[in-house]
Structures are given as C-alpha cells and as structure tokens.
Amino acid sequence: MKFGALSYGLSQNVGDEVQTLAALQYLPQVDHWLDRDLLERYRELGKVFLICNGWFKFRPRAGWPPPENLKPLLISFYAYQSGHLIREDLVEFYQSIRPIGCRSMDTLREFERAGVSAYFSGCLTLTLKNRFSERSDDVYIVDVDENMLSRLVPSSVRHKAIYVTHQFERPYQALIGFRVARMLFRLMKEVEGKDPKRRVLSKLREHYFEAWHKAKLQRARDLLALYSRAKLVVTGKLHCAMPCLALGTPVVLLKEGVDRDRRFDGLYQLVRHCSDTNARALINWERPEPNSDLYVPLAECLQRSCAEAVLKAKVENEVRTDLEVSTHS
C-alpha cells in the first residue's frame, strides 16, 4: 500500500494546505498527491492510504465516494452541502470505514441522522507542533473584517500589527482575473477531451498545478512559522485560529456571526472569540494571556487515531511484502 496526501486544484485558500501539513505529520512518505476534488481519476494507482481531513463538497464529476483502491481515514471531515454528500446511497460506504471523525458538530449531526457511526474529532490542525523556542514581539492580523477590526481592536495594536492573508493569488490572475483564468482552464479541458492527441495541454496544466501546489504548501509553512513565534494573532480564519491553539500562540478569533457559522460549530468554543461588533474582546492586548487548554483532549484523540491508522497501513504493507517474498522463494 502506498501513502497519499491531498492537493486542492484551483483553490486559493492556503488554509487547505495548512490542513495537509497537519496530515503529513503522520505519514511515513508521500507516494502520490491526490486532488481532493478529482479522486476518481486515481482509480488505477493501486491501494493508497490517505488522511481525508478538511472541507469536502459533492461534485458530480469528482467521483464520490472515492474509488475502492483508495483507503481513506475520514477524520476532521467537514461535509459542505451535507444533503448531497451524506445520502442514503452512500451510507454503506461510510459504514465500511466508520467511525467518521467530524470537524464540526453540524457534520456530526448529519451523520447521526443517516445512522452512520461518527464522533466529533475537531480539526487536525490542533495537532501541529511548534518548532521554535523563542517568541518575537510581533502581532499578526489575519483576514479580519474591517468593521470588526476597527471596533474591537485598539488602534495602538492595529497600527503596529503585521497584516497577512490566507488568500493566495496566482501570478496570471493578477493580470486577467480569477474567473477568466478558470474559464480558460475549463476550455483547455474541453479541447483536450475532443482531441486526445492534444496532450500538450494536459502536460502544461499538470506542470502548472504542481508548481502552484508547491508554492501554496511553502506559503502555509511560512505562515505557520510566523504564527509559531508571534506574541499575538488576531484572525477571522478557522485554519489560523486552530493552528495557533496547537502552537501555543495567544489568539483571538474575530468573526461576525461565528457562533452561527456551521463550519465553526464546535470549534469556536475552544478559542477566545467575538461574534458581535458590540462585544468586547476579553484579552490583555499588551500582555496576552495563554489560550484555553480545552482543545487538548481533542488533539490527543486525533493523534492516536491518525497514528493507529497509519500503523495499520504500514503493517499491511509489511505482511504483503512478506507474502510476496515467500511466494517467490
């Protein structure tokens, strides 16, 4: 059995790669990078174990559930438009790999309604490790709504802070725009489909996606390094707030209506947060207090589940190798 990890095609959200970095901690190696939205295309790879954590959406062309040769561990799994992804005809698949670790309470409730064994796992980024021993005096503000920021964060903090984003723009998009670029890629696919000889288009696209994927992974590593040494992080992003808990970096989650957002259900409660511009952020801005340790039991359970699943896959590899050796002896 080989080991695979997820990539994300046209996604501009670096938070996707932050989740992949969390999964990579547990894999002995990466034999294949698998596009989350095109798992069907990997049917011929042979058996591949992968950690399926993160945001998933049903796409007719993507092929869900994954083909039988892929052996997924569904953990920190979030089902967007769950009525399409958690359907009666998919219950048998989910039961075959149960229990399902759910990233949000909303996804857990949907699995329970479908009669599938599931539990709330939290987010795998809660298990990230801090490789740095020293802290800087830097405060980072990451993708916070301007209204929330101006009302809740003191001007003295805002003016000294370093502003970063989890939105990653491709070089060509700066020139022609995201929608036009996506339309061009879809046109390339259609042309290739009508004329199989035009493999040059496929190769160009593959090389581009590979370079894009590497760039996003490196950006995710760079951001985590910044957060690891920060004095304080203020963010509206889930995959900035959860990693900061794991890294031991004081963090405040500022997002209007976060207590009603299905993606954050079960997670926002782990971190200092404000969901209303009329509220007050409960933190000492000059000497930020440590985060709550409410996340720790979730992180420990995530670590055990991933380590056990990977060990099982490695043992299966060793048994298969021994059988092949004895067969050829």
Protein backbone atom coordinates (compact mmCIF):
# COMPACT_ATOMS: atom_id res chain seq x y z
CA MET A 1 0.00 0.00 0.00
CA LYS A 2 1.22 3.46 -0.91
CA PHE A 3 0.60 6.68 1.01
CA GLY A 4 -1.16 9.71 -0.45
CA ALA A 5 -1.87 13.29 0.59
CA LEU A 6 -4.39 15.83 -0.63
CA SER A 7 -3.85 18.74 -3.01
CA TYR A 8 -6.53 21.27 -3.97
CA GLY A 9 -6.52 22.18 -7.65
CA LEU A 10 -7.76 25.72 -8.21
CA SER A 11 -8.33 26.57 -4.55
CA GLN A 12 -6.84 29.89 -3.45
CA ASN A 13 -7.24 29.19 0.26
CA VAL A 14 -3.89 28.49 1.96
CA GLY A 15 -5.89 27.05 4.86
CA ASP A 16 -6.29 23.91 2.73
CA GLU A 17 -2.53 23.39 2.72
CA VAL A 18 -2.35 24.08 6.47
CA GLN A 19 -4.65 21.08 6.90
CA THR A 20 -2.47 18.99 4.58
CA LEU A 21 0.61 19.88 6.62
CA ALA A 22 -1.22 18.60 9.69
CA ALA A 23 -1.86 15.28 7.93
CA LEU A 24 1.74 14.98 6.68
CA GLN A 25 2.94 14.73 10.29
CA TYR A 26 1.62 11.17 10.41
CA LEU A 27 2.61 9.78 7.00
CA PRO A 28 5.92 7.91 6.54
CA GLN A 29 6.16 9.30 2.99
CA VAL A 30 4.01 10.72 0.21
CA ASP A 31 3.92 8.46 -2.85
CA HIS A 32 1.05 10.29 -4.55
CA TRP A 33 -0.53 13.74 -4.37
CA LEU A 34 -4.28 13.39 -4.90
CA ASP A 35 -6.56 16.25 -5.92
CA ARG A 36 -9.34 16.38 -3.33
CA ASP A 37 -11.92 17.23 -5.99
CA LEU A 38 -10.82 14.61 -8.56
CA LEU A 39 -10.29 11.43 -6.54
CA GLU A 40 -12.00 9.34 -9.22
CA ARG A 41 -9.05 9.81 -11.57
CA TYR A 42 -6.76 7.78 -9.26
CA ARG A 43 -8.57 4.50 -9.73
CA GLU A 44 -5.54 2.85 -11.40
CA LEU A 45 -2.93 3.71 -8.75
CA GLY A 46 -3.34 0.56 -6.68
CA LYS A 47 -4.01 0.72 -2.95
CA VAL A 48 -3.32 4.15 -1.47
CA PHE A 49 -3.90 5.17 2.14
CA LEU A 50 -4.73 8.83 2.72
CA ILE A 51 -5.98 11.02 5.52
CA CYS A 52 -9.17 12.74 4.29
CA ASN A 53 -9.39 15.77 6.55
CA GLY A 54 -10.90 19.10 5.66
CA TRP A 55 -13.71 20.56 3.56
CA PHE A 56 -15.48 18.28 1.10
CA LYS A 57 -18.23 19.06 -1.36
CA PHE A 58 -20.16 16.75 -3.66
CA ARG A 59 -19.19 17.32 -7.29
CA PRO A 60 -20.77 15.13 -9.99
CA ARG A 61 -17.50 14.84 -11.94
CA ALA A 62 -15.29 14.29 -8.91
CA GLY A 63 -16.48 10.80 -8.09
CA TRP A 64 -17.64 10.35 -4.51
CA PRO A 65 -17.18 8.12 -2.72
CA PRO A 66 -13.51 7.58 -3.62
CA PRO A 67 -12.69 4.51 -5.75
CA GLU A 68 -12.19 1.25 -3.85
CA ASN A 69 -8.40 1.27 -4.23
CA LEU A 70 -8.18 4.44 -2.10
CA LYS A 71 -8.24 3.69 1.62
CA PRO A 72 -9.28 6.92 3.35
CA LEU A 73 -9.25 7.78 7.01
CA LEU A 74 -12.14 10.23 7.32
CA ILE A 75 -11.16 12.44 10.23
CA SER A 76 -11.68 16.16 10.80
CA PHE A 77 -14.13 15.74 7.93
CA TYR A 78 -16.45 18.63 7.05
CA ALA A 79 -19.35 17.98 4.67
CA TYR A 80 -20.39 21.10 2.77
CA GLN A 81 -23.98 20.82 1.49
CA SER A 82 -24.22 17.65 3.52
CA GLY A 83 -27.52 16.62 1.93
CA HIS A 84 -25.58 15.77 -1.23
CA LEU A 85 -22.54 14.24 0.47
CA ILE A 86 -24.29 12.26 3.21
CA ARG A 87 -27.00 10.45 1.28
CA GLU A 88 -28.79 7.16 1.81
CA ASP A 89 -26.97 5.52 -1.12
CA LEU A 90 -23.60 6.42 0.47
CA VAL A 91 -24.34 5.06 3.95
CA GLU A 92 -22.82 1.66 3.13
CA PHE A 93 -19.53 3.33 2.13
CA TYR A 94 -19.38 5.40 5.31
CA GLN A 95 -20.24 2.41 7.49
CA SER A 96 -17.39 0.44 5.88
CA ILE A 97 -14.82 2.96 7.19
CA ARG A 98 -16.56 4.06 10.39
CA PRO A 99 -16.34 5.77 12.76
CA ILE A 100 -16.18 9.08 10.92
CA GLY A 101 -14.30 11.88 12.68
CA CYS A 102 -16.24 15.11 12.10
CA ARG A 103 -14.71 18.57 12.12
CA SER A 104 -17.95 20.28 13.09
CA MET A 105 -20.96 19.42 15.20
CA ASP A 106 -23.15 20.14 12.17
CA THR A 107 -21.46 17.39 10.14
CA LEU A 108 -21.70 15.03 13.12
CA ARG A 109 -25.44 15.60 13.39
CA GLU A 110 -25.88 14.82 9.68
CA PHE A 111 -24.04 11.52 10.01
CA GLU A 112 -26.08 10.63 13.09
CA ARG A 113 -29.31 11.34 11.19
CA ALA A 114 -28.11 8.97 8.47
CA GLY A 115 -27.40 6.25 11.04
CA VAL A 116 -23.63 6.34 10.48
CA SER A 117 -21.27 5.86 13.42
CA ALA A 118 -19.44 9.15 13.90
CA TYR A 119 -17.90 11.40 16.54
CA PHE A 120 -16.68 14.99 16.91
CA SER A 121 -12.93 14.93 16.25
CA GLY A 122 -12.22 18.63 15.96
CA CYS A 123 -9.68 19.89 13.44
CA LEU A 124 -6.44 18.06 12.69
CA THR A 125 -4.55 21.36 12.76
CA LEU A 126 -4.96 21.19 16.55
CA THR A 127 -2.08 18.66 16.47
CA LEU A 128 0.51 20.87 14.72
CA LYS A 129 3.85 21.23 16.51
CA ASN A 130 5.75 24.40 17.32
CA ARG A 131 9.37 24.02 16.13
CA PHE A 132 10.51 27.33 17.62
CA SER A 133 11.56 28.06 21.20
CA GLU A 134 11.64 31.87 21.10
CA ARG A 135 8.89 34.46 20.67
CA SER A 136 9.00 37.74 18.82
CA ASP A 137 7.07 40.87 19.79
CA ASP A 138 5.06 40.70 16.57
CA VAL A 139 1.27 40.86 16.39
CA TYR A 140 -0.34 39.43 13.25
CA ILE A 141 -3.78 40.34 11.92
CA VAL A 142 -5.05 37.70 9.52
CA ASP A 143 -8.12 38.25 7.35
CA VAL A 144 -10.30 40.12 9.84
CA ASP A 145 -13.35 42.09 8.69
CA GLU A 146 -12.55 45.81 8.76
CA ASN A 147 -15.64 46.65 10.80
CA MET A 148 -14.81 44.05 13.46
CA LEU A 149 -11.19 45.15 13.48
CA SER A 150 -11.83 48.87 13.93
CA ARG A 151 -14.44 48.36 16.64
CA LEU A 152 -12.78 45.65 18.73
CA VAL A 153 -9.01 46.04 18.37
CA PRO A 154 -7.32 49.12 19.88
CA SER A 155 -5.72 51.46 17.36
CA SER A 156 -2.37 51.10 19.14
CA VAL A 157 -2.44 47.38 18.28
CA ARG A 158 -3.76 47.83 14.73
CA HIS A 159 -1.10 50.36 13.77
CA LYS A 160 1.82 48.20 14.93
CA ALA A 161 0.45 44.89 13.64
CA ILE A 162 1.64 42.96 10.60
CA TYR A 163 -1.18 42.15 8.17
CA VAL A 164 -1.16 38.83 6.31
CA THR A 165 -3.74 36.82 4.38
CA HIS A 166 -4.60 33.19 3.67
CA GLN A 167 -5.75 34.17 0.17
CA PHE A 168 -3.16 33.17 -2.41
CA GLU A 169 -3.29 34.82 -5.82
CA ARG A 170 -1.78 33.16 -8.85
CA PRO A 171 0.52 35.39 -10.92
CA TYR A 172 -1.64 35.23 -14.05
CA GLN A 173 -4.77 36.10 -12.05
CA ALA A 174 -3.28 39.47 -11.19
CA LEU A 175 -3.38 40.19 -14.91
CA ILE A 176 -6.60 38.57 -16.14
CA GLY A 177 -8.66 37.83 -13.03
CA PHE A 178 -9.75 34.60 -11.36
CA ARG A 179 -12.98 33.97 -13.30
CA VAL A 180 -11.34 34.44 -16.68
CA ALA A 181 -8.46 32.16 -15.67
CA ARG A 182 -10.83 29.43 -14.52
CA MET A 183 -12.78 29.72 -17.79
CA LEU A 184 -9.54 29.27 -19.78
CA PHE A 185 -8.64 26.12 -17.86
CA ARG A 186 -12.10 24.67 -18.47
CA LEU A 187 -11.78 25.48 -22.17
CA MET A 188 -8.44 23.64 -22.24
CA LYS A 189 -10.12 20.57 -20.77
CA GLU A 190 -12.88 20.66 -23.38
CA VAL A 191 -10.43 20.97 -26.27
CA GLU A 192 -8.36 18.13 -24.89
CA GLY A 193 -11.45 15.97 -24.48
CA LYS A 194 -12.44 16.46 -28.13
CA ASP A 195 -8.92 15.80 -29.41
CA PRO A 196 -6.97 13.27 -27.27
CA LYS A 197 -3.84 13.97 -29.31
CA ARG A 198 -3.53 17.37 -27.70
CA ARG A 199 -1.73 16.05 -24.64
CA VAL A 200 0.44 19.13 -24.55
CA LEU A 201 -2.46 20.96 -22.89
CA SER A 202 -2.69 18.26 -20.23
CA LYS A 203 1.05 18.42 -19.57
CA LEU A 204 1.02 22.19 -19.30
CA ARG A 205 -1.85 22.06 -16.86
CA GLU A 206 -0.19 19.33 -14.77
CA HIS A 207 3.09 21.25 -14.55
CA TYR A 208 1.25 24.41 -13.60
CA PHE A 209 -0.80 22.72 -10.87
CA GLU A 210 2.33 21.05 -9.48
CA ALA A 211 4.17 24.36 -9.23
CA TRP A 212 1.08 26.04 -7.77
CA HIS A 213 0.64 23.30 -5.18
CA LYS A 214 4.30 23.57 -4.07
CA ALA A 215 4.02 27.35 -3.80
CA LYS A 216 0.91 27.12 -1.62
CA LEU A 217 2.48 24.47 0.61
CA GLN A 218 5.52 26.69 1.14
CA ARG A 219 3.30 29.67 1.90
CA ALA A 220 1.46 27.58 4.51
CA ARG A 221 4.78 26.59 6.11
CA ASP A 222 5.92 30.22 6.15
CA LEU A 223 2.69 31.39 7.80
CA LEU A 224 2.88 28.69 10.47
CA ALA A 225 6.46 29.75 11.21
CA LEU A 226 5.26 33.34 11.73
CA TYR A 227 2.40 32.25 13.99
CA SER A 228 4.72 29.98 15.99
CA ARG A 229 6.86 32.92 17.10
CA ALA A 230 4.14 35.59 17.38
CA LYS A 231 3.20 37.47 20.51
CA LEU A 232 -0.45 37.50 19.42
CA VAL A 233 -2.57 36.57 16.39
CA VAL A 234 -5.94 38.16 15.61
CA THR A 235 -7.87 36.37 12.89
CA GLY A 236 -11.17 35.62 11.22
CA LYS A 237 -9.86 32.35 9.75
CA LEU A 238 -10.53 28.90 11.20
CA HIS A 239 -7.23 27.47 9.98
CA CYS A 240 -5.31 30.27 11.56
CA ALA A 241 -7.09 30.16 14.93
CA MET A 242 -6.91 26.35 15.38
CA PRO A 243 -3.19 26.09 14.50
CA CYS A 244 -2.43 28.93 16.93
CA LEU A 245 -4.00 26.89 19.73
CA ALA A 246 -1.72 23.99 18.84
CA LEU A 247 1.33 26.27 18.56
CA GLY A 248 0.67 27.85 21.95
CA THR A 249 0.30 31.31 20.41
CA PRO A 250 -2.27 33.62 22.04
CA VAL A 251 -5.07 34.07 19.53
CA VAL A 252 -8.36 35.94 19.23
CA LEU A 253 -11.00 34.88 16.70
CA LEU A 254 -12.98 37.88 15.42
CA LYS A 255 -15.73 36.90 13.02
CA GLU A 256 -19.22 38.33 12.89
CA GLY A 257 -21.80 35.59 13.42
CA VAL A 258 -19.16 32.94 14.12
CA ASP A 259 -21.49 31.34 16.68
CA ARG A 260 -23.98 30.71 13.84
CA ASP A 261 -21.47 29.55 11.22
CA ARG A 262 -21.75 25.79 10.59
CA ARG A 263 -18.05 25.49 9.72
CA PHE A 264 -17.07 26.74 13.17
CA ASP A 265 -19.69 24.77 15.13
CA GLY A 266 -17.85 23.02 17.97
CA LEU A 267 -14.53 24.77 17.26
CA TYR A 268 -15.08 28.45 18.01
CA GLN A 269 -15.81 27.49 21.61
CA LEU A 270 -12.19 26.35 22.01
CA VAL A 271 -10.75 29.82 21.47
CA ARG A 272 -11.29 33.41 22.62
CA HIS A 273 -13.78 34.80 20.18
CA CYS A 274 -16.12 37.67 19.41
CA SER A 275 -19.04 37.40 17.03
CA ASP A 276 -20.56 40.84 17.57
CA THR A 277 -19.09 44.28 16.99
CA ASN A 278 -20.80 45.47 20.18
CA ALA A 279 -18.95 42.89 22.29
CA ARG A 280 -15.54 43.29 23.88
CA ALA A 281 -12.53 41.09 23.17
CA LEU A 282 -11.54 39.55 26.51
CA ILE A 283 -7.76 39.76 26.26
CA ASN A 284 -4.92 41.88 27.54
CA TRP A 285 -3.68 43.35 24.27
CA GLU A 286 -0.27 44.27 25.69
CA ARG A 287 0.36 41.05 27.63
CA PRO A 288 -1.86 38.40 26.04
CA GLU A 289 -2.89 35.60 28.36
CA PRO A 290 -2.31 31.96 27.31
CA ASN A 291 -5.05 30.19 25.39
CA SER A 292 -7.51 27.80 26.99
CA ASP A 293 -6.43 24.13 27.01
CA LEU A 294 -9.93 22.89 26.10
CA TYR A 295 -8.55 21.66 22.78
CA VAL A 296 -6.01 19.26 24.32
CA PRO A 297 -8.26 16.15 24.69
CA LEU A 298 -9.34 16.54 21.04
CA ALA A 299 -5.72 16.88 19.91
CA GLU A 300 -4.67 13.78 21.83
CA CYS A 301 -7.51 11.73 20.35
CA LEU A 302 -6.64 12.96 16.84
CA GLN A 303 -3.01 11.97 17.31
CA ARG A 304 -3.94 8.47 18.46
CA SER A 305 -6.44 7.92 15.65
CA CYS A 306 -4.03 9.02 12.91
CA ALA A 307 -1.06 7.14 14.35
CA GLU A 308 -3.08 3.93 14.70
CA ALA A 309 -4.49 4.15 11.16
CA VAL A 310 -1.05 4.77 9.63
CA LEU A 311 0.47 1.93 11.67
CA LYS A 312 -2.25 -0.42 10.43
CA ALA A 313 -1.48 0.57 6.83
CA LYS A 314 2.27 0.03 7.37
CA VAL A 315 1.68 -3.39 8.93
CA GLU A 316 -0.48 -4.35 5.97
CA ASN A 317 2.40 -3.33 3.69
CA GLU A 318 4.87 -5.48 5.63
CA VAL A 319 2.55 -8.51 5.57
CA ARG A 320 2.08 -8.14 1.82
CA THR A 321 5.85 -7.83 1.29
CA ASP A 322 6.49 -10.96 3.37
CA LEU A 323 3.89 -12.88 1.36
CA GLU A 324 5.47 -11.77 -1.92
CA VAL A 325 8.93 -12.84 -0.73
CA SER A 326 7.69 -16.26 0.39
CA THR A 327 5.82 -16.73 -2.90
CA HIS A 328 8.97 -16.09 -4.94
CA SER A 329 11.25 -18.18 -2.68
